[in-house]
C-alpha atoms as a PDB file:
ATOM      1  CA  MET A   1      20.353  42.755 -52.383  1.00  0.00           C
ATOM      2  CA  ILE A   2      18.303  45.955 -53.107  1.00  0.00           C
ATOM      3  CA  LEU A   3      19.552  49.359 -52.363  1.00  0.00           C
ATOM      4  CA  ALA A   4      17.326  49.627 -49.179  1.00  0.00           C
ATOM      5  CA  ASP A   5      19.010  46.502 -47.744  1.00  0.00           C
ATOM      6  CA  LYS A   6      22.433  47.858 -48.595  1.00  0.00           C
ATOM      7  CA  ILE A   7      21.812  51.012 -46.770  1.00  0.00           C
ATOM      8  CA  ILE A   8      20.759  49.470 -43.667  1.00  0.00           C
ATOM      9  CA  ASP A   9      23.609  46.795 -43.785  1.00  0.00           C
ATOM     10  CA  LEU A  10      26.257  49.537 -44.343  1.00  0.00           C
ATOM     11  CA  ARG A  11      24.823  51.897 -41.686  1.00  0.00           C
ATOM     12  CA  LYS A  12      24.761  49.082 -39.122  1.00  0.00           C
ATOM     13  CA  LYS A  13      28.427  47.845 -40.016  1.00  0.00           C
ATOM     14  CA  ASN A  14      29.556  51.566 -39.574  1.00  0.00           C
ATOM     15  CA  GLY A  15      27.681  51.518 -36.214  1.00  0.00           C
ATOM     16  CA  MET A  16      25.568  54.583 -37.076  1.00  0.00           C
ATOM     17  CA  SER A  17      21.854  55.095 -36.159  1.00  0.00           C
ATOM     18  CA  GLN A  18      19.339  56.476 -38.598  1.00  0.00           C
ATOM     19  CA  GLU A  19      19.822  59.854 -36.779  1.00  0.00           C
ATOM     20  CA  GLU A  20      23.649  60.007 -37.167  1.00  0.00           C
ATOM     21  CA  LEU A  21      23.271  59.147 -40.892  1.00  0.00           C
ATOM     22  CA  ALA A  22      20.711  61.727 -41.434  1.00  0.00           C
ATOM     23  CA  GLU A  23      22.884  64.311 -40.023  1.00  0.00           C
ATOM     24  CA  LYS A  24      25.695  63.309 -42.237  1.00  0.00           C
ATOM     25  CA  MET A  25      23.528  63.368 -45.093  1.00  0.00           C
ATOM     26  CA  ASP A  26      21.763  66.500 -44.244  1.00  0.00           C
ATOM     27  CA  VAL A  27      18.222  65.132 -44.385  1.00  0.00           C
ATOM     28  CA  SER A  28      15.773  64.137 -41.959  1.00  0.00           C
ATOM     29  CA  ARG A  29      15.543  60.927 -40.014  1.00  0.00           C
ATOM     30  CA  GLN A  30      12.335  60.001 -41.801  1.00  0.00           C
ATOM     31  CA  SER A  31      14.037  60.136 -45.266  1.00  0.00           C
ATOM     32  CA  ILE A  32      16.652  57.689 -44.034  1.00  0.00           C
ATOM     33  CA  SER A  33      13.592  55.551 -42.749  1.00  0.00           C
ATOM     34  CA  LYS A  34      12.019  55.848 -46.176  1.00  0.00           C
ATOM     35  CA  TRP A  35      15.058  54.813 -48.087  1.00  0.00           C
ATOM     36  CA  GLU A  36      15.542  51.796 -45.759  1.00  0.00           C
ATOM     37  CA  SER A  37      11.980  50.578 -46.158  1.00  0.00           C
ATOM     38  CA  ALA A  38      12.154  51.203 -49.997  1.00  0.00           C
ATOM     39  CA  GLN A  39       9.324  53.727 -49.948  1.00  0.00           C
ATOM     40  CA  SER A  40      11.424  56.253 -51.796  1.00  0.00           C
ATOM     41  CA  VAL A  41      14.878  56.391 -53.366  1.00  0.00           C
ATOM     42  CA  PRO A  42      17.644  58.859 -52.765  1.00  0.00           C
ATOM     43  CA  ASP A  43      18.637  60.901 -55.715  1.00  0.00           C
ATOM     44  CA  MET A  44      21.938  60.610 -57.555  1.00  0.00           C
ATOM     45  CA  LYS A  45      23.589  63.436 -55.570  1.00  0.00           C
ATOM     46  CA  ARG A  46      22.653  61.545 -52.411  1.00  0.00           C
ATOM     47  CA  ILE A  47      23.732  58.288 -53.683  1.00  0.00           C
ATOM     48  CA  VAL A  48      27.300  59.857 -54.299  1.00  0.00           C
ATOM     49  CA  ARG A  49      27.192  61.078 -50.780  1.00  0.00           C
ATOM     50  CA  LEU A  50      26.196  57.622 -49.479  1.00  0.00           C
ATOM     51  CA  SER A  51      29.139  56.115 -51.270  1.00  0.00           C
ATOM     52  CA  GLU A  52      31.458  58.528 -49.807  1.00  0.00           C
ATOM     53  CA  ILE A  53      30.354  57.915 -46.234  1.00  0.00           C
ATOM     54  CA  PHE A  54      30.470  54.270 -46.324  1.00  0.00           C
ATOM     55  CA  GLY A  55      33.382  53.967 -48.618  1.00  0.00           C
ATOM     56  CA  VAL A  56      31.870  52.057 -51.358  1.00  0.00           C
ATOM     57  CA  SER A  57      31.158  52.598 -55.169  1.00  0.00           C
ATOM     58  CA  THR A  58      28.056  53.956 -56.533  1.00  0.00           C
ATOM     59  CA  ASP A  59      27.981  50.914 -58.695  1.00  0.00           C
ATOM     60  CA  TYR A  60      27.504  48.726 -55.630  1.00  0.00           C
ATOM     61  CA  LEU A  61      24.713  50.916 -54.106  1.00  0.00           C
ATOM     62  CA  LEU A  62      22.839  50.902 -57.717  1.00  0.00           C
ATOM     63  CA  LYS A  63      23.326  47.400 -59.040  1.00  0.00           C
ATOM     64  CA  ASP A  64      21.335  44.777 -57.098  1.00  0.00           C
ATOM     65  CA  ASP A  65      23.447  42.013 -58.261  1.00  0.00           C
ATOM     66  CA  LEU A  66      26.621  43.074 -56.657  1.00  0.00           C
ATOM     67  CA  LEU A  67      27.340  41.198 -53.403  1.00  0.00           C
ATOM     68  CA  PRO A  68      28.756  42.502 -50.237  1.00  0.00           C
ATOM     69  CA  GLU A  69      32.105  40.664 -51.165  1.00  0.00           C
ATOM     70  CA  SER A  70      32.402  42.907 -54.114  1.00  0.00           C
ATOM     71  CA  TYR A  71      33.686  45.769 -51.928  1.00  0.00           C
ATOM     72  CA  ASP A  72      36.030  46.593 -48.938  1.00  0.00           C
ATOM     73  CA  THR A  73      34.753  48.532 -45.748  1.00  0.00           C
ATOM     74  CA  THR A  74      37.730  47.613 -43.582  1.00  0.00           C
ATOM     75  CA  GLN A  75      39.100  51.194 -43.632  1.00  0.00           C
ATOM     76  CA  ASN A  76      35.605  52.404 -42.364  1.00  0.00           C
ATOM     77  CA  THR A  77      34.825  49.576 -39.923  1.00  0.00           C
ATOM     78  CA  PRO A  78      36.089  49.700 -36.554  1.00  0.00           C
ATOM     79  CA  ASN A  79      37.949  46.680 -35.319  1.00  0.00           C
ATOM     80  CA  GLU A  80      35.190  45.988 -32.512  1.00  0.00           C
ATOM     81  CA  PHE A  81      32.714  45.478 -35.278  1.00  0.00           C
ATOM     82  CA  ASP A  82      34.531  42.400 -36.761  1.00  0.00           C
ATOM     83  CA  LEU A  83      32.733  40.083 -34.343  1.00  0.00           C
ATOM     84  CA  PRO A  84      30.392  37.316 -35.582  1.00  0.00           C
ATOM     85  CA  VAL A  85      26.963  38.681 -36.693  1.00  0.00           C
ATOM     86  CA  LYS A  86      23.878  36.547 -35.399  1.00  0.00           C
ATOM     87  CA  PRO A  87      20.907  36.478 -37.701  1.00  0.00           C
ATOM     88  CA  VAL A  88      17.536  37.391 -36.403  1.00  0.00           C
ATOM     89  CA  SER A  89      14.494  35.947 -38.373  1.00  0.00           C
ATOM     90  CA  MET A  90      11.103  37.493 -38.670  1.00  0.00           C
ATOM     91  CA  GLU A  91       9.771  34.781 -36.172  1.00  0.00           C
ATOM     92  CA  GLU A  92      12.535  35.622 -33.574  1.00  0.00           C
ATOM     93  CA  ALA A  93      11.884  39.402 -33.865  1.00  0.00           C
ATOM     94  CA  GLY A  94       8.167  38.822 -33.351  1.00  0.00           C
ATOM     95  CA  ASP A  95       8.752  36.520 -30.284  1.00  0.00           C
ATOM     96  CA  PHE A  96      11.384  39.117 -29.064  1.00  0.00           C
ATOM     97  CA  LEU A  97       8.892  42.185 -29.176  1.00  0.00           C
ATOM     98  CA  ARG A  98       6.207  40.028 -27.385  1.00  0.00           C
ATOM     99  CA  HIS A  99       8.555  39.113 -24.698  1.00  0.00           C
ATOM    100  CA  ARG A 100       9.551  42.942 -24.356  1.00  0.00           C
ATOM    101  CA  SER A 101       5.876  43.722 -24.056  1.00  0.00           C
ATOM    102  CA  LEU A 102       5.348  41.073 -21.135  1.00  0.00           C
ATOM    103  CA  SER A 103       8.627  42.188 -19.564  1.00  0.00           C
ATOM    104  CA  ALA A 104       7.572  45.804 -19.531  1.00  0.00           C
ATOM    105  CA  ARG A 105       4.518  44.999 -17.557  1.00  0.00           C
ATOM    106  CA  ARG A 106       6.235  42.671 -15.153  1.00  0.00           C
ATOM    107  CA  VAL A 107       9.403  44.849 -14.611  1.00  0.00           C
ATOM    108  CA  ALA A 108       7.281  48.146 -14.266  1.00  0.00           C
ATOM    109  CA  LEU A 109       5.016  46.418 -11.593  1.00  0.00           C
ATOM    110  CA  GLY A 110       8.075  44.970  -9.833  1.00  0.00           C
ATOM    111  CA  VAL A 111       9.643  48.533  -9.529  1.00  0.00           C
ATOM    112  CA  MET A 112       6.321  50.046  -8.406  1.00  0.00           C
ATOM    113  CA  MET A 113       5.952  47.508  -5.619  1.00  0.00           C
ATOM    114  CA  CYS A 114       9.524  48.258  -4.355  1.00  0.00           C
ATOM    115  CA  ILE A 115       8.793  51.969  -4.213  1.00  0.00           C
ATOM    116  CA  LEU A 116       5.478  51.321  -2.473  1.00  0.00           C
ATOM    117  CA  SER A 117       6.798  48.711   0.039  1.00  0.00           C
ATOM    118  CA  PRO A 118       7.483  51.006   2.868  1.00  0.00           C
ATOM    119  CA  VAL A 119       4.202  53.067   2.648  1.00  0.00           C
ATOM    120  CA  LEU A 120       2.383  50.803   5.225  1.00  0.00           C
ATOM    121  CA  LEU A 121       5.334  50.779   7.435  1.00  0.00           C
ATOM    122  CA  ILE A 122       5.569  54.559   7.639  1.00  0.00           C
ATOM    123  CA  LEU A 123       1.723  54.845   8.156  1.00  0.00           C
ATOM    124  CA  LEU A 124       1.613  52.299  10.820  1.00  0.00           C
ATOM    125  CA  ALA A 125       4.677  53.630  12.611  1.00  0.00           C
ATOM    126  CA  GLN A 126       3.045  56.948  12.733  1.00  0.00           C
ATOM    127  CA  GLY A 127      -0.607  55.650  13.770  1.00  0.00           C
ATOM    128  CA  GLN A 128       1.223  53.727  16.687  1.00  0.00           C
ATOM    129  CA  ASP A 129       3.104  56.725  17.825  1.00  0.00           C
ATOM    130  CA  SER A 130      -0.141  59.046  17.789  1.00  0.00           C
ATOM    131  CA  GLY A 131      -2.189  56.360  19.628  1.00  0.00           C
ATOM    132  CA  ARG A 132      -4.784  55.853  17.013  1.00  0.00           C
ATOM    133  CA  LEU A 133      -3.956  52.119  16.404  1.00  0.00           C
ATOM    134  CA  ASN A 134      -4.384  49.526  18.945  1.00  0.00           C
ATOM    135  CA  LEU A 135      -1.030  48.017  18.327  1.00  0.00           C
ATOM    136  CA  THR A 136       2.360  48.065  20.319  1.00  0.00           C
ATOM    137  CA  GLU A 137       5.297  49.700  18.694  1.00  0.00           C
ATOM    138  CA  PRO A 138       6.839  46.050  17.800  1.00  0.00           C
ATOM    139  CA  GLN A 139       3.529  44.895  16.347  1.00  0.00           C
ATOM    140  CA  ALA A 140       3.227  48.020  14.015  1.00  0.00           C
ATOM    141  CA  VAL A 141       6.921  47.828  12.976  1.00  0.00           C
ATOM    142  CA  GLY A 142       6.564  43.940  12.525  1.00  0.00           C
ATOM    143  CA  LEU A 143       3.485  44.277  10.367  1.00  0.00           C
ATOM    144  CA  GLY A 144       4.950  46.985   8.325  1.00  0.00           C
ATOM    145  CA  LEU A 145       8.144  45.065   7.749  1.00  0.00           C
ATOM    146  CA  LEU A 146       6.318  41.818   6.801  1.00  0.00           C
ATOM    147  CA  VAL A 147       4.406  43.883   4.153  1.00  0.00           C
ATOM    148  CA  LEU A 148       7.659  45.454   2.941  1.00  0.00           C
ATOM    149  CA  ILE A 149       9.547  42.161   2.718  1.00  0.00           C
ATOM    150  CA  ILE A 150       6.746  40.378   0.917  1.00  0.00           C
ATOM    151  CA  MET A 151       6.210  43.041  -1.697  1.00  0.00           C
ATOM    152  CA  VAL A 152      10.081  43.250  -2.179  1.00  0.00           C
ATOM    153  CA  GLY A 153      10.204  39.478  -2.446  1.00  0.00           C
ATOM    154  CA  ALA A 154       7.406  39.463  -5.111  1.00  0.00           C
ATOM    155  CA  ALA A 155       9.197  42.307  -6.950  1.00  0.00           C
ATOM    156  CA  VAL A 156      12.562  40.131  -6.940  1.00  0.00           C
ATOM    157  CA  ALA A 157      10.491  37.112  -8.117  1.00  0.00           C
ATOM    158  CA  LEU A 158       9.189  39.142 -11.025  1.00  0.00           C
ATOM    159  CA  PHE A 159      12.559  40.424 -11.832  1.00  0.00           C
ATOM    160  CA  VAL A 160      14.418  36.994 -11.989  1.00  0.00           C
ATOM    161  CA  THR A 161      11.646  35.075 -13.629  1.00  0.00           C
ATOM    162  CA  THR A 162      11.333  37.782 -16.447  1.00  0.00           C
ATOM    163  CA  GLY A 163      15.253  37.653 -16.814  1.00  0.00           C
ATOM    164  CA  LEU A 164      15.378  34.106 -16.961  1.00  0.00           C
ATOM    165  CA  ARG A 165      12.550  33.978 -19.670  1.00  0.00           C
ATOM    166  CA  GLY A 166      14.519  36.611 -21.627  1.00  0.00           C
ATOM    167  CA  LYS A 167      17.809  34.838 -21.663  1.00  0.00           C
ATOM    168  CA  LYS A 168      17.289  33.412 -25.077  1.00  0.00           C
ATOM    169  CA  PHE A 169      16.813  36.760 -26.490  1.00  0.00           C
ATOM    170  CA  GLU A 170      20.004  38.061 -24.637  1.00  0.00           C
ATOM    171  CA  TYR A 171      22.198  37.951 -27.975  1.00  0.00           C
ATOM    172  CA  ILE A 172      19.699  40.740 -29.358  1.00  0.00           C
ATOM    173  CA  GLU A 173      20.784  43.221 -26.728  1.00  0.00           C
ATOM    174  CA  LYS A 174      24.438  42.356 -26.552  1.00  0.00           C
ATOM    175  CA  GLU A 175      25.644  40.921 -29.723  1.00  0.00           C
ATOM    176  CA  HIS A 176      25.759  42.147 -33.261  1.00  0.00           C
ATOM    177  CA  ILE A 177      22.770  41.147 -35.264  1.00  0.00           C
ATOM    178  CA  GLU A 178      21.704  40.886 -38.818  1.00  0.00           C
ATOM    179  CA  THR A 179      17.912  40.912 -39.358  1.00  0.00           C
ATOM    180  CA  SER A 180      16.397  39.033 -42.200  1.00  0.00           C
ATOM    181  CA  TYR A 181      14.511  40.853 -45.092  1.00  0.00           C
ATOM    182  CA  GLY A 182      11.485  42.670 -44.062  1.00  0.00           C
ATOM    183  CA  VAL A 183      12.234  42.621 -40.212  1.00  0.00           C
ATOM    184  CA  ASP A 184      13.230  46.250 -40.118  1.00  0.00           C
ATOM    185  CA  GLY A 185      10.209  47.434 -41.978  1.00  0.00           C
ATOM    186  CA  MET A 186       7.955  45.464 -39.514  1.00  0.00           C
ATOM    187  CA  VAL A 187       9.716  46.679 -36.401  1.00  0.00           C
ATOM    188  CA  LYS A 188       9.700  50.241 -37.759  1.00  0.00           C
ATOM    189  CA  ASP A 189       5.790  50.058 -38.375  1.00  0.00           C
ATOM    190  CA  ARG A 190       5.276  49.004 -34.965  1.00  0.00           C
ATOM    191  CA  GLN A 191       7.635  51.551 -33.615  1.00  0.00           C
ATOM    192  CA  GLU A 192       5.642  54.338 -35.273  1.00  0.00           C
ATOM    193  CA  LYS A 193       2.300  52.906 -34.007  1.00  0.00           C
ATOM    194  CA  PHE A 194       3.751  52.937 -30.281  1.00  0.00           C
ATOM    195  CA  ARG A 195       5.397  56.305 -30.752  1.00  0.00           C
ATOM    196  CA  ARG A 196       2.474  58.267 -29.521  1.00  0.00           C
ATOM    197  CA  THR A 197       1.882  55.790 -26.491  1.00  0.00           C
ATOM    198  CA  PHE A 198       5.469  56.015 -25.524  1.00  0.00           C
ATOM    199  CA  THR A 199       5.502  59.884 -25.599  1.00  0.00           C
ATOM    200  CA  THR A 200       2.488  60.123 -23.574  1.00  0.00           C
ATOM    201  CA  GLN A 201       3.610  57.710 -20.949  1.00  0.00           C
ATOM    202  CA  LEU A 202       7.002  58.995 -20.640  1.00  0.00           C
ATOM    203  CA  VAL A 203       5.937  62.507 -20.198  1.00  0.00           C
ATOM    204  CA  THR A 204       3.054  61.729 -17.824  1.00  0.00           C
ATOM    205  CA  GLY A 205       5.594  59.563 -15.773  1.00  0.00           C
ATOM    206  CA  ILE A 206       8.347  62.470 -15.608  1.00  0.00           C
ATOM    207  CA  VAL A 207       5.429  64.901 -14.527  1.00  0.00           C
ATOM    208  CA  LEU A 208       4.182  62.666 -11.764  1.00  0.00           C
ATOM    209  CA  CYS A 209       7.644  62.324 -10.398  1.00  0.00           C
ATOM    210  CA  VAL A 210       8.045  66.121 -10.618  1.00  0.00           C
ATOM    211  CA  LEU A 211       4.754  66.799  -8.810  1.00  0.00           C
ATOM    212  CA  SER A 212       5.451  64.198  -6.315  1.00  0.00           C
ATOM    213  CA  ALA A 213       6.817  66.807  -3.992  1.00  0.00           C
ATOM    214  CA  LEU A 214       3.469  68.666  -3.968  1.00  0.00           C
ATOM    215  CA  PRO A 215       2.025  66.538  -0.927  1.00  0.00           C
ATOM    216  CA  LEU A 216       5.078  67.698   1.225  1.00  0.00           C
ATOM    217  CA  PHE A 217       4.645  71.447   0.222  1.00  0.00           C
ATOM    218  CA  GLY A 218       0.860  71.067   0.879  1.00  0.00           C
ATOM    219  CA  VAL A 219       1.247  69.899   4.452  1.00  0.00           C
ATOM    220  CA  MET A 220       3.883  72.480   4.997  1.00  0.00           C
ATOM    221  CA  PHE A 221       1.610  75.111   4.050  1.00  0.00           C
ATOM    222  CA  PHE A 222      -1.818  73.880   5.356  1.00  0.00           C
ATOM    223  CA  PHE A 223      -0.782  71.889   8.634  1.00  0.00           C
ATOM    224  CA  SER A 224       2.181  73.678   9.910  1.00  0.00           C
ATOM    225  CA  GLY A 225       1.911  75.293  13.330  1.00  0.00           C
ATOM    226  CA  LYS A 226       2.963  78.606  14.656  1.00  0.00           C
ATOM    227  CA  ASP A 227       6.486  77.333  15.146  1.00  0.00           C
ATOM    228  CA  GLY A 228       6.706  76.071  11.486  1.00  0.00           C
ATOM    229  CA  ALA A 229       6.642  72.438  12.569  1.00  0.00           C
ATOM    230  CA  VAL A 230       4.440  69.991  10.628  1.00  0.00           C
ATOM    231  CA  THR A 231       2.177  67.343  12.609  1.00  0.00           C
ATOM    232  CA  GLY A 232       3.528  63.886  12.406  1.00  0.00           C
ATOM    233  CA  ASN A 233       0.252  62.382  10.881  1.00  0.00           C
ATOM    234  CA  ALA A 234       0.276  64.879   8.129  1.00  0.00           C
ATOM    235  CA  TYR A 235       3.868  64.521   7.303  1.00  0.00           C
ATOM    236  CA  SER A 236       3.500  60.807   7.011  1.00  0.00           C
ATOM    237  CA  VAL A 237       0.564  60.932   4.870  1.00  0.00           C
ATOM    238  CA  ALA A 238       2.340  63.286   2.575  1.00  0.00           C
ATOM    239  CA  VAL A 239       5.325  61.019   2.346  1.00  0.00           C
ATOM    240  CA  ALA A 240       3.112  57.959   1.556  1.00  0.00           C
ATOM    241  CA  LEU A 241       1.495  60.209  -1.213  1.00  0.00           C
ATOM    242  CA  LEU A 242       4.926  61.270  -2.514  1.00  0.00           C
ATOM    243  CA  LEU A 243       6.045  57.494  -2.825  1.00  0.00           C
ATOM    244  CA  VAL A 244       2.418  56.711  -4.585  1.00  0.00           C
ATOM    245  CA  PHE A 245       3.055  59.707  -7.138  1.00  0.00           C
ATOM    246  CA  VAL A 246       6.738  58.372  -7.824  1.00  0.00           C
ATOM    247  CA  ALA A 247       5.564  54.880  -7.977  1.00  0.00           C
ATOM    248  CA  VAL A 248       2.890  55.357 -10.477  1.00  0.00           C
ATOM    249  CA  GLY A 249       5.178  57.865 -12.604  1.00  0.00           C
ATOM    250  CA  VAL A 250       8.232  55.332 -12.515  1.00  0.00           C
ATOM    251  CA  LEU A 251       5.813  52.317 -13.745  1.00  0.00           C
ATOM    252  CA  LEU A 252       4.884  54.555 -16.780  1.00  0.00           C
ATOM    253  CA  ILE A 253       8.430  55.356 -17.470  1.00  0.00           C
ATOM    254  CA  VAL A 254       9.822  51.809 -17.015  1.00  0.00           C
ATOM    255  CA  ARG A 255       6.999  50.192 -18.976  1.00  0.00           C
ATOM    256  CA  SER A 256       7.124  52.587 -22.018  1.00  0.00           C
ATOM    257  CA  CYS A 257      10.839  52.718 -22.326  1.00  0.00           C
ATOM    258  CA  ILE A 258      11.403  48.774 -22.187  1.00  0.00           C
ATOM    259  CA  ILE A 259       9.133  48.414 -25.011  1.00  0.00           C
ATOM    260  CA  TRP A 260      10.745  51.313 -26.821  1.00  0.00           C
ATOM    261  CA  ASP A 261      14.226  50.060 -26.280  1.00  0.00           C
ATOM    262  CA  GLY A 262      13.164  46.820 -27.861  1.00  0.00           C
ATOM    263  CA  PHE A 263      12.547  48.403 -31.439  1.00  0.00           C
ATOM    264  CA  HIS A 264      16.054  50.292 -30.924  1.00  0.00           C
ATOM    265  CA  MET A 265      17.620  46.777 -30.056  1.00  0.00           C
ATOM    266  CA  LEU A 266      16.415  45.246 -33.311  1.00  0.00           C
ATOM    267  CA  LEU A 267      17.272  48.279 -35.401  1.00  0.00           C
ATOM    268  CA  GLU A 268      20.529  48.622 -33.695  1.00  0.00           C
ATOM    269  CA  GLU A 269      19.916  52.302 -32.970  1.00  0.00           C
ATOM    270  CA  GLY A 270      20.203  54.806 -30.116  1.00  0.00           C
ATOM    271  CA  GLU A 271      21.937  53.102 -27.173  1.00  0.00           C
ATOM    272  CA  PHE A 272      22.182  49.879 -28.994  1.00  0.00           C
ATOM    273  CA  THR A 273      24.418  50.543 -31.959  1.00  0.00           C
ATOM    274  CA  ARG A 274      27.225  48.092 -32.548  1.00  0.00           C
ATOM    275  CA  GLU A 275      29.736  50.723 -31.191  1.00  0.00           C
ATOM    276  CA  ASN A 276      27.702  50.872 -27.988  1.00  0.00           C
ATOM    277  CA  LYS A 277      27.176  47.230 -27.535  1.00  0.00           C
ATOM    278  CA  ALA A 278      31.029  46.740 -27.586  1.00  0.00           C
ATOM    279  CA  GLU A 279      31.373  49.641 -24.960  1.00  0.00           C
ATOM    280  CA  ASN A 280      28.596  47.980 -22.712  1.00  0.00           C
ATOM    281  CA  LYS A 281      30.653  44.741 -23.014  1.00  0.00           C
ATOM    282  CA  ARG A 282      33.754  46.422 -21.736  1.00  0.00           C
ATOM    283  CA  ASN A 283      31.668  47.970 -18.904  1.00  0.00           C
ATOM    284  CA  GLU A 284      29.933  44.875 -17.817  1.00  0.00           C
ATOM    285  CA  LEU A 285      31.811  43.905 -14.844  1.00  0.00           C
ATOM    286  CA  LEU A 286      32.041  47.540 -13.496  1.00  0.00           C
ATOM    287  CA  THR A 287      28.340  47.825 -13.924  1.00  0.00           C
ATOM    288  CA  THR A 288      27.609  44.729 -11.988  1.00  0.00           C
ATOM    289  CA  ILE A 289      29.816  45.687  -9.286  1.00  0.00           C
ATOM    290  CA  TYR A 290      28.536  49.186  -9.037  1.00  0.00           C
ATOM    291  CA  TRP A 291      24.796  48.345  -8.954  1.00  0.00           C
ATOM    292  CA  CYS A 292      25.372  45.521  -6.407  1.00  0.00           C
ATOM    293  CA  SER A 293      27.121  47.854  -4.146  1.00  0.00           C
ATOM    294  CA  VAL A 294      24.476  50.529  -4.465  1.00  0.00           C
ATOM    295  CA  THR A 295      21.756  47.901  -3.544  1.00  0.00           C
ATOM    296  CA  ALA A 296      23.818  46.888  -0.448  1.00  0.00           C
ATOM    297  CA  VAL A 297      24.080  50.462   0.549  1.00  0.00           C
ATOM    298  CA  TYR A 298      20.424  51.264   0.017  1.00  0.00           C
ATOM    299  CA  LEU A 299      19.379  48.196   2.063  1.00  0.00           C
ATOM    300  CA  ALA A 300      21.805  48.777   4.857  1.00  0.00           C
ATOM    301  CA  TYR A 301      20.891  52.370   5.387  1.00  0.00           C
ATOM    302  CA  SER A 302      17.195  51.786   5.254  1.00  0.00           C
ATOM    303  CA  PHE A 303      17.108  48.897   7.741  1.00  0.00           C
ATOM    304  CA  ILE A 304      19.480  50.345  10.172  1.00  0.00           C
ATOM    305  CA  THR A 305      17.892  53.968  10.074  1.00  0.00           C
ATOM    306  CA  MET A 306      14.423  52.809   9.277  1.00  0.00           C
ATOM    307  CA  GLU A 307      14.029  56.012   7.188  1.00  0.00           C
ATOM    308  CA  TRP A 308      12.465  54.334   4.243  1.00  0.00           C
ATOM    309  CA  ASN A 309      10.774  57.625   3.473  1.00  0.00           C
ATOM    310  CA  ARG A 310      14.109  59.178   2.468  1.00  0.00           C
ATOM    311  CA  SER A 311      16.351  56.339   1.651  1.00  0.00           C
ATOM    312  CA  TRP A 312      14.750  56.171  -1.931  1.00  0.00           C
ATOM    313  CA  ILE A 313      16.807  58.952  -2.896  1.00  0.00           C
ATOM    314  CA  VAL A 314      19.908  56.872  -3.304  1.00  0.00           C
ATOM    315  CA  TRP A 315      18.585  55.669  -6.577  1.00  0.00           C
ATOM    316  CA  PRO A 316      18.333  58.796  -8.513  1.00  0.00           C
ATOM    317  CA  VAL A 317      21.630  59.941  -7.103  1.00  0.00           C
ATOM    318  CA  ALA A 318      23.160  56.467  -7.927  1.00  0.00           C
ATOM    319  CA  GLY A 319      22.086  56.902 -11.510  1.00  0.00           C
ATOM    320  CA  VAL A 320      23.757  60.142 -12.009  1.00  0.00           C
ATOM    321  CA  VAL A 321      26.945  58.789 -10.325  1.00  0.00           C
ATOM    322  CA  TYR A 322      26.879  56.059 -12.599  1.00  0.00           C
ATOM    323  CA  MET A 323      26.931  57.909 -15.771  1.00  0.00           C
ATOM    324  CA  ILE A 324      30.004  59.816 -14.340  1.00  0.00           C
ATOM    325  CA  VAL A 325      31.641  56.401 -13.534  1.00  0.00           C
ATOM    326  CA  ILE A 326      31.066  55.038 -16.911  1.00  0.00           C
ATOM    327  CA  SER A 327      32.312  58.415 -18.656  1.00  0.00           C
ATOM    328  CA  VAL A 328      35.510  58.157 -16.401  1.00  0.00           C
ATOM    329  CA  ALA A 329      36.004  54.582 -17.214  1.00  0.00           C
ATOM    330  CA  LYS A 330      35.777  55.319 -20.964  1.00  0.00           C
ATOM    331  CA  ALA A 331      38.094  58.158 -20.841  1.00  0.00           C
ATOM    332  CA  LEU A 332      40.691  56.228 -19.013  1.00  0.00           C
ATOM    333  CA  ARG A 333      40.603  53.452 -21.666  1.00  0.00           C
ATOM    334  CA  LYS A 334      41.030  55.881 -24.481  1.00  0.00           C
ATOM    335  CA  LYS A 335      43.934  57.419 -22.577  1.00  0.00           C
ATOM    336  CA  GLY A 336      45.547  54.098 -22.094  1.00  0.00           C
END
């Protein structure tokens, strides 16, 4: 095993990302990446520092013929990392990245359809109220709900089929993995090529979500009467445009993040270090109960009040609350 592979192996066994190791070594993340891809070699001073961080000898790091059994890292390796490690071949890694690319498009499309699903209902309801449509109220609402249910149903079908196809790769996200020689280099190369696209789509998506409120502000400025009230038609169109902005923004964010997370899963970095995987397993039941409850509340409130133009706010609020719930659960486990 060469030095590059030993650094990768030790970093993963200690649950560190490249950023975390770079911080401990007082170097850039790019330096760690070059060491691990054998593009450069750390100097002797940094070899000594690596041996101190990982609790191994400099001989082990420098001599290729010394095997992992020749040293002991039990004092540096948390107990939850003593789980079986599953190997990932180059072929499996390539198949996984192709699956993530396909999943990104399907899931992003499904999310966008869910957000856009009430748009026609909002516009039909307002058109019927204003007398511009030759439809009765039940007909307008019925047609809008029909389209809404079809779009949500199609989105759910996309989510379910994508999830079923990805079952065979579930271990990469949830278990501890050991990639074959060359896999990390291939993944890092693809990650660097995708970095600009990821940044562009993420920033564009966030900007679109922020700008989604502009149509509402616009109708308040241009279509409000002397009493400050906004005409119903203008308000409905503004809400529809808001949902379109959000839908496109979320599509870009979800699509880019799913692909980007795929790289982190194979590299066991970011949110997918071995430590975080162990923590996610402990939170699995809580996460399932929480999001099922949020979905039930969203659907119940939306159908009872028919205020689809407002009920979507449940999701960003639920996301913030979820982080608080997980943090509290983690703190309670540590205290216990």
